[in-house]
Every structure is written in C-alpha cells, then in structure tokens.
Amino acid sequence: MWEVVVDADKCTGAELCVENCPTSVYEMVEGKAVPTNADECIGCGTCMEVCPTGACLVTEID
C-alpha cells in the first residue's frame, strides 16, 4: 500500500503528474494536483520523477 501526498505549497500546476501517472491517481483541483485516486497508486514513482518542484511524494506504508 502506498501513501500519496502533494505539497500544495510546492505544486505549480504543471500537470506532469496527472499526464504521466499510469493509474490516474491525480486530478487537477483549483490549479493544483490532488491524489484523488490514491488507492490506485502502484508505487512506481513516476510522479516524483516528472514533478519539476518535488511536490509529489509516494511512500510505502505497512
């Protein structure tokens, strides 16, 4: 299971996480990425790789 967090202060609304997430975890809400489907996260880390500001964080939880 994965915890998906977006630091709203760091998010600039580039939408790269939304466009590149293979399981559609993110949606844009008021210009910011929000993990609305976090239960679908497979922990691939693509969002962290493509986010230019480091706003996305995916961590494994027990």
PDB file of N, CA and C in Angstrom:
ATOM      1  N   MET A   1       0.848  -1.173   0.000  1.00  0.00           N
ATOM      2  CA  MET A   1       0.000   0.000   0.000  1.00  0.00           C
ATOM      3  C   MET A   1       0.893   1.235   0.000  1.00  0.00           C
ATOM      4  N   TRP A   2       0.409   2.274  -0.670  1.00  0.00           N
ATOM      5  CA  TRP A   2       1.213   3.480  -0.847  1.00  0.00           C
ATOM      6  C   TRP A   2       0.488   4.712  -0.351  1.00  0.00           C
ATOM      7  N   GLU A   3       1.233   5.609   0.276  1.00  0.00           N
ATOM      8  CA  GLU A   3       0.697   6.913   0.670  1.00  0.00           C
ATOM      9  C   GLU A   3       1.144   7.923  -0.378  1.00  0.00           C
ATOM     10  N   VAL A   4       0.199   8.676  -0.896  1.00  0.00           N
ATOM     11  CA  VAL A   4       0.481   9.661  -1.931  1.00  0.00           C
ATOM     12  C   VAL A   4       0.143  11.040  -1.383  1.00  0.00           C
ATOM     13  N   VAL A   5       1.134  11.939  -1.415  1.00  0.00           N
ATOM     14  CA  VAL A   5       0.956  13.281  -0.879  1.00  0.00           C
ATOM     15  C   VAL A   5       1.469  14.291  -1.894  1.00  0.00           C
ATOM     16  N   VAL A   6       0.744  15.402  -2.019  1.00  0.00           N
ATOM     17  CA  VAL A   6       1.210  16.521  -2.833  1.00  0.00           C
ATOM     18  C   VAL A   6       1.338  17.730  -1.913  1.00  0.00           C
ATOM     19  N   ASP A   7       2.518  18.319  -1.889  1.00  0.00           N
ATOM     20  CA  ASP A   7       2.747  19.546  -1.123  1.00  0.00           C
ATOM     21  C   ASP A   7       2.161  20.693  -1.934  1.00  0.00           C
ATOM     22  N   ALA A   8       0.998  21.187  -1.537  1.00  0.00           N
ATOM     23  CA  ALA A   8       0.298  22.228  -2.283  1.00  0.00           C
ATOM     24  C   ALA A   8       1.121  23.507  -2.401  1.00  0.00           C
ATOM     25  N   ASP A   9       1.975  23.775  -1.430  1.00  0.00           N
ATOM     26  CA  ASP A   9       2.821  24.975  -1.491  1.00  0.00           C
ATOM     27  C   ASP A   9       3.871  24.863  -2.594  1.00  0.00           C
ATOM     28  N   LYS A  10       4.310  23.647  -2.885  1.00  0.00           N
ATOM     29  CA  LYS A  10       5.318  23.429  -3.926  1.00  0.00           C
ATOM     30  C   LYS A  10       4.711  23.226  -5.309  1.00  0.00           C
ATOM     31  N   CYS A  11       3.462  22.769  -5.367  1.00  0.00           N
ATOM     32  CA  CYS A  11       2.830  22.441  -6.638  1.00  0.00           C
ATOM     33  C   CYS A  11       2.567  23.712  -7.451  1.00  0.00           C
ATOM     34  N   THR A  12       3.081  23.729  -8.674  1.00  0.00           N
ATOM     35  CA  THR A  12       2.889  24.875  -9.564  1.00  0.00           C
ATOM     36  C   THR A  12       1.829  24.605 -10.629  1.00  0.00           C
ATOM     37  N   GLY A  13       1.228  23.442 -10.595  1.00  0.00           N
ATOM     38  CA  GLY A  13       0.177  23.112 -11.553  1.00  0.00           C
ATOM     39  C   GLY A  13       0.691  22.725 -12.922  1.00  0.00           C
ATOM     40  N   ALA A  14       1.874  22.155 -12.987  1.00  0.00           N
ATOM     41  CA  ALA A  14       2.467  21.766 -14.266  1.00  0.00           C
ATOM     42  C   ALA A  14       1.708  20.610 -14.929  1.00  0.00           C
ATOM     43  N   GLU A  15       0.947  19.861 -14.165  1.00  0.00           N
ATOM     44  CA  GLU A  15       0.120  18.746 -14.626  1.00  0.00           C
ATOM     45  C   GLU A  15       0.913  17.536 -15.116  1.00  0.00           C
ATOM     46  N   LEU A  16       2.220  17.510 -14.904  1.00  0.00           N
ATOM     47  CA  LEU A  16       3.025  16.387 -15.381  1.00  0.00           C
ATOM     48  C   LEU A  16       2.699  15.103 -14.635  1.00  0.00           C
ATOM     49  N   CYS A  17       2.368  15.203 -13.358  1.00  0.00           N
ATOM     50  CA  CYS A  17       1.975  14.003 -12.614  1.00  0.00           C
ATOM     51  C   CYS A  17       0.652  13.462 -13.151  1.00  0.00           C
ATOM     52  N   VAL A  18      -0.269  14.356 -13.457  1.00  0.00           N
ATOM     53  CA  VAL A  18      -1.570  13.952 -13.997  1.00  0.00           C
ATOM     54  C   VAL A  18      -1.384  13.256 -15.348  1.00  0.00           C
ATOM     55  N   GLU A  19      -0.562  13.829 -16.198  1.00  0.00           N
ATOM     56  CA  GLU A  19      -0.352  13.312 -17.551  1.00  0.00           C
ATOM     57  C   GLU A  19       0.451  12.010 -17.580  1.00  0.00           C
ATOM     58  N   ASN A  20       1.334  11.809 -16.614  1.00  0.00           N
ATOM     59  CA  ASN A  20       2.256  10.672 -16.661  1.00  0.00           C
ATOM     60  C   ASN A  20       1.938   9.523 -15.722  1.00  0.00           C
ATOM     61  N   CYS A  21       1.024   9.703 -14.791  1.00  0.00           N
ATOM     62  CA  CYS A  21       0.686   8.628 -13.859  1.00  0.00           C
ATOM     63  C   CYS A  21      -0.024   7.509 -14.617  1.00  0.00           C
ATOM     64  N   PRO A  22       0.513   6.282 -14.568  1.00  0.00           N
ATOM     65  CA  PRO A  22      -0.090   5.180 -15.317  1.00  0.00           C
ATOM     66  C   PRO A  22      -1.430   4.699 -14.757  1.00  0.00           C
ATOM     67  N   THR A  23      -1.763   5.085 -13.529  1.00  0.00           N
ATOM     68  CA  THR A  23      -3.014   4.627 -12.936  1.00  0.00           C
ATOM     69  C   THR A  23      -3.973   5.771 -12.597  1.00  0.00           C
ATOM     70  N   SER A  24      -3.712   6.951 -13.121  1.00  0.00           N
ATOM     71  CA  SER A  24      -4.607   8.120 -12.956  1.00  0.00           C
ATOM     72  C   SER A  24      -4.910   8.448 -11.497  1.00  0.00           C
ATOM     73  N   VAL A  25      -3.860   8.501 -10.695  1.00  0.00           N
ATOM     74  CA  VAL A  25      -4.008   8.826  -9.276  1.00  0.00           C
ATOM     75  C   VAL A  25      -4.399  10.296  -9.083  1.00  0.00           C
ATOM     76  N   TYR A  26      -3.875  11.178  -9.938  1.00  0.00           N
ATOM     77  CA  TYR A  26      -4.024  12.618  -9.736  1.00  0.00           C
ATOM     78  C   TYR A  26      -5.085  13.253 -10.615  1.00  0.00           C
ATOM     79  N   GLU A  27      -5.675  14.324 -10.061  1.00  0.00           N
ATOM     80  CA  GLU A  27      -6.557  15.214 -10.808  1.00  0.00           C
ATOM     81  C   GLU A  27      -6.177  16.641 -10.432  1.00  0.00           C
ATOM     82  N   MET A  28      -6.442  17.568 -11.322  1.00  0.00           N
ATOM     83  CA  MET A  28      -6.190  18.970 -11.027  1.00  0.00           C
ATOM     84  C   MET A  28      -7.424  19.552 -10.334  1.00  0.00           C
ATOM     85  N   VAL A  29      -7.194  20.201  -9.207  1.00  0.00           N
ATOM     86  CA  VAL A  29      -8.258  20.854  -8.455  1.00  0.00           C
ATOM     87  C   VAL A  29      -7.778  22.265  -8.121  1.00  0.00           C
ATOM     88  N   GLU A  30      -8.464  23.247  -8.660  1.00  0.00           N
ATOM     89  CA  GLU A  30      -8.117  24.649  -8.427  1.00  0.00           C
ATOM     90  C   GLU A  30      -6.645  24.916  -8.733  1.00  0.00           C
ATOM     91  N   GLY A  31      -6.159  24.333  -9.833  1.00  0.00           N
ATOM     92  CA  GLY A  31      -4.804  24.591 -10.294  1.00  0.00           C
ATOM     93  C   GLY A  31      -3.702  23.812  -9.596  1.00  0.00           C
ATOM     94  N   LYS A  32      -4.072  22.878  -8.746  1.00  0.00           N
ATOM     95  CA  LYS A  32      -3.099  22.064  -8.014  1.00  0.00           C
ATOM     96  C   LYS A  32      -3.397  20.583  -8.235  1.00  0.00           C
ATOM     97  N   ALA A  33      -2.358  19.761  -8.223  1.00  0.00           N
ATOM     98  CA  ALA A  33      -2.537  18.316  -8.331  1.00  0.00           C
ATOM     99  C   ALA A  33      -3.018  17.768  -6.994  1.00  0.00           C
ATOM    100  N   VAL A  34      -4.004  16.895  -7.071  1.00  0.00           N
ATOM    101  CA  VAL A  34      -4.562  16.279  -5.868  1.00  0.00           C
ATOM    102  C   VAL A  34      -4.662  14.769  -6.116  1.00  0.00           C
ATOM    103  N   PRO A  35      -4.162  13.952  -5.179  1.00  0.00           N
ATOM    104  CA  PRO A  35      -4.244  12.497  -5.356  1.00  0.00           C
ATOM    105  C   PRO A  35      -5.642  11.977  -5.019  1.00  0.00           C
ATOM    106  N   THR A  36      -6.583  12.201  -5.924  1.00  0.00           N
ATOM    107  CA  THR A  36      -7.976  11.830  -5.683  1.00  0.00           C
ATOM    108  C   THR A  36      -8.220  10.332  -5.768  1.00  0.00           C
ATOM    109  N   ASN A  37      -7.309   9.618  -6.413  1.00  0.00           N
ATOM    110  CA  ASN A  37      -7.434   8.161  -6.540  1.00  0.00           C
ATOM    111  C   ASN A  37      -6.206   7.471  -5.960  1.00  0.00           C
ATOM    112  N   ALA A  38      -5.803   7.879  -4.799  1.00  0.00           N
ATOM    113  CA  ALA A  38      -4.566   7.369  -4.184  1.00  0.00           C
ATOM    114  C   ALA A  38      -4.573   5.854  -3.999  1.00  0.00           C
ATOM    115  N   ASP A  39      -5.748   5.259  -3.861  1.00  0.00           N
ATOM    116  CA  ASP A  39      -5.842   3.804  -3.700  1.00  0.00           C
ATOM    117  C   ASP A  39      -5.358   3.055  -4.938  1.00  0.00           C
ATOM    118  N   GLU A  40      -5.279   3.741  -6.062  1.00  0.00           N
ATOM    119  CA  GLU A  40      -4.840   3.123  -7.315  1.00  0.00           C
ATOM    120  C   GLU A  40      -3.316   3.170  -7.494  1.00  0.00           C
ATOM    121  N   CYS A  41      -2.612   3.849  -6.605  1.00  0.00           N
ATOM    122  CA  CYS A  41      -1.157   4.010  -6.729  1.00  0.00           C
ATOM    123  C   CYS A  41      -0.447   2.658  -6.679  1.00  0.00           C
ATOM    124  N   ILE A  42       0.488   2.457  -7.607  1.00  0.00           N
ATOM    125  CA  ILE A  42       1.280   1.227  -7.647  1.00  0.00           C
ATOM    126  C   ILE A  42       2.717   1.459  -7.178  1.00  0.00           C
ATOM    127  N   GLY A  43       3.008   2.686  -6.737  1.00  0.00           N
ATOM    128  CA  GLY A  43       4.326   2.985  -6.183  1.00  0.00           C
ATOM    129  C   GLY A  43       5.440   3.090  -7.197  1.00  0.00           C
ATOM    130  N   CYS A  44       5.125   3.380  -8.443  1.00  0.00           N
ATOM    131  CA  CYS A  44       6.157   3.411  -9.487  1.00  0.00           C
ATOM    132  C   CYS A  44       7.087   4.616  -9.371  1.00  0.00           C
ATOM    133  N   GLY A  45       6.618   5.703  -8.746  1.00  0.00           N
ATOM    134  CA  GLY A  45       7.457   6.880  -8.558  1.00  0.00           C
ATOM    135  C   GLY A  45       7.537   7.812  -9.748  1.00  0.00           C
ATOM    136  N   THR A  46       6.771   7.537 -10.791  1.00  0.00           N
ATOM    137  CA  THR A  46       6.806   8.390 -11.980  1.00  0.00           C
ATOM    138  C   THR A  46       6.475   9.830 -11.634  1.00  0.00           C
ATOM    139  N   CYS A  47       5.498  10.034 -10.785  1.00  0.00           N
ATOM    140  CA  CYS A  47       5.098  11.394 -10.420  1.00  0.00           C
ATOM    141  C   CYS A  47       6.257  12.159  -9.781  1.00  0.00           C
ATOM    142  N   MET A  48       7.010  11.483  -8.936  1.00  0.00           N
ATOM    143  CA  MET A  48       8.149  12.135  -8.285  1.00  0.00           C
ATOM    144  C   MET A  48       9.238  12.474  -9.301  1.00  0.00           C
ATOM    145  N   GLU A  49       9.412  11.602 -10.286  1.00  0.00           N
ATOM    146  CA  GLU A  49      10.432  11.827 -11.310  1.00  0.00           C
ATOM    147  C   GLU A  49      10.097  13.009 -12.214  1.00  0.00           C
ATOM    148  N   VAL A  50       8.824  13.168 -12.558  1.00  0.00           N
ATOM    149  CA  VAL A  50       8.457  14.207 -13.525  1.00  0.00           C
ATOM    150  C   VAL A  50       8.111  15.545 -12.882  1.00  0.00           C
ATOM    151  N   CYS A  51       7.859  15.589 -11.592  1.00  0.00           N
ATOM    152  CA  CYS A  51       7.476  16.841 -10.936  1.00  0.00           C
ATOM    153  C   CYS A  51       8.680  17.774 -10.847  1.00  0.00           C
ATOM    154  N   PRO A  52       8.600  18.944 -11.492  1.00  0.00           N
ATOM    155  CA  PRO A  52       9.748  19.852 -11.506  1.00  0.00           C
ATOM    156  C   PRO A  52      10.040  20.519 -10.165  1.00  0.00           C
ATOM    157  N   THR A  53       9.074  20.487  -9.237  1.00  0.00           N
ATOM    158  CA  THR A  53       9.278  21.154  -7.956  1.00  0.00           C
ATOM    159  C   THR A  53       9.383  20.200  -6.774  1.00  0.00           C
ATOM    160  N   GLY A  54       9.270  18.894  -7.032  1.00  0.00           N
ATOM    161  CA  GLY A  54       9.341  17.922  -5.956  1.00  0.00           C
ATOM    162  C   GLY A  54       8.128  17.924  -5.040  1.00  0.00           C
ATOM    163  N   ALA A  55       6.970  18.316  -5.577  1.00  0.00           N
ATOM    164  CA  ALA A  55       5.759  18.408  -4.775  1.00  0.00           C
ATOM    165  C   ALA A  55       5.128  17.053  -4.484  1.00  0.00           C
ATOM    166  N   CYS A  56       5.390  16.070  -5.340  1.00  0.00           N
ATOM    167  CA  CYS A  56       4.785  14.741  -5.182  1.00  0.00           C
ATOM    168  C   CYS A  56       5.672  13.848  -4.334  1.00  0.00           C
ATOM    169  N   LEU A  57       5.039  13.132  -3.419  1.00  0.00           N
ATOM    170  CA  LEU A  57       5.771  12.200  -2.573  1.00  0.00           C
ATOM    171  C   LEU A  57       4.962  10.909  -2.448  1.00  0.00           C
ATOM    172  N   VAL A  58       5.592   9.793  -2.761  1.00  0.00           N
ATOM    173  CA  VAL A  58       4.970   8.479  -2.644  1.00  0.00           C
ATOM    174  C   VAL A  58       5.830   7.650  -1.697  1.00  0.00           C
ATOM    175  N   THR A  59       5.214   7.144  -0.638  1.00  0.00           N
ATOM    176  CA  THR A  59       5.935   6.319   0.320  1.00  0.00           C
ATOM    177  C   THR A  59       5.142   5.059   0.602  1.00  0.00           C
ATOM    178  N   GLU A  60       5.868   3.983   0.852  1.00  0.00           N
ATOM    179  CA  GLU A  60       5.220   2.711   1.167  1.00  0.00           C
ATOM    180  C   GLU A  60       4.780   2.730   2.634  1.00  0.00           C
ATOM    181  N   ILE A  61       3.567   2.252   2.865  1.00  0.00           N
ATOM    182  CA  ILE A  61       3.078   2.160   4.229  1.00  0.00           C
ATOM    183  C   ILE A  61       2.717   0.708   4.525  1.00  0.00           C
ATOM    184  N   ASP A  62       2.815   0.348   5.788  1.00  0.00           N
ATOM    185  CA  ASP A  62       2.507  -1.024   6.205  1.00  0.00           C
ATOM    186  C   ASP A  62       1.049  -1.211   6.458  1.00  0.00           C
TER     187      ASP A  62
END
